[in-house]
Structure formats: C-alpha cells, structure tokens
Amino acid sequence: MNLNILDVDRLSSVPVWVVFAVVFVLLAFESASLLGLFTPGNSVPITLGVLTSIGVVPWLPAVVTAAVASSMGAQWAFWHGRRTDTVLGLGRAESALPAAVMRVVLGLTKQARSRPRAVATAGHLIGGIRTITPRLVATSSLRHREYAVLSLLAAVVWASALVSAGAWLGDQTLIRTALGYAWIPAVTIMAATQLRRRTRSSSPELVGAR
C-alpha cells in the first residue's frame, strides 16, 4: 500500500487560490465551531509552510491567510457567545453536561473574566484551547473591538510560527505524508456539519414550521 498517496506534495497541482480558500474555510471553522476541537487545526498552517518550502505558495500570503481566517472564526465565536450568553453557545448543551465538567468550564470562565486580555492572547496560541477561548472571554467585560485586535495579533504570531516550522520541516517525506492524512478529519467534520445543516433546513417539519 502506498502511504504517500495523500502526500501534501500533490497539492502542487492545485491552483494557489484554491489552496488558500480551503485553508481559510478550515481555519475559520476550527476557531468558530466547537467541532473545531476535533480538527487538527495546527497541521493546516504547518502544511502551508511545507508548501512554501517546495515553492507552491509564498510565505507571506500563507501567514496572512492563516492568521486572518483563524482570527475571524474566533471573533465570530466571541460574538456568538456574547449574543447567546452561554459558554458553549447552546443552553441545552450546557445543561446536559455532567456537573464535574461544568465546574471545570465555570472555573475557566472565572479566569477569563479576571484576566480576559491574557486569556484571549495566550489561548489563541494553543490548539483546542483556541476553540473555546473566544466563548470564555465573551463572558468578560472585554469589548469586541479590543478582542478583535488581540485575537488578530495572537493569530499572526501563531501562523508565523507554524508556517515557518512547516517550511523548516518541508524536506522530510514522513512529515509531508502525515500532514496529508491530518487533513482528512478536518474536511470530513466540516463537510458533515454542512450536510447536517442542509438536511435540517430542508426537513418538511422545519419548512412547515416557517
């Protein structure tokens, strides 16, 4: 079996604008949706770095695309969390969680309220934490405009570091192959989410209720 079938080198045949468009959607989804917890968000800018090392995409546009996408997704999550006044975005989801889990969530929320700027900045740099940080900080008094600036600055640092790391690791075949397979769960989860939304919106019961 040829494990190199999904090597990121194969993206060299894809138009650059398509690569950037897919990257933008994936990273925005990772930071905007709670399902982003199950996607390998860090592997996406690293993959971009590998592509810069083989001349497929330029470094600066790669960093800008990754940073802006991740920051925009986080800003949407912040806005949604503040609008719904919940950490997870859905009150029924929070009420269904075990008490122990909710105690952890409330503990993190307390930290975000006491140090919103530090949490907003540092949280964006860590995979997984990046997805829930906007929702935690949304419960604080931090203004949306200030959060937007902090998240963008943190996203630029994050994207620059990972794209550069990918460029440095780009000559290792094993790394390129592993990154190729890492995209599978991200694309699958995002596609399943969109399919579920379309199915729900076209349901006869929902249509009749409108």
Foldseek 3Di string as FASTA:
>chain_A
DDLCPLQLVVCLVPQPVVLLVVLLVLLLCLQQALCVLVAPNLLSLLSLLLCCLVPSDPQPVSLVSQLVSNLNSLLNNLVQLLVCVHQNNDPVVLVPDDPVVNVVVVVLLVVCQVPVLVLLQVQCLDRSSSNRSSNSNSNHPDDSVVSSVSSSVSSSVNSNVSSNNSNVCNVDRVSSSVSSVSCVVSVVVVVVVVVVVVCVCPDPVNVVVD
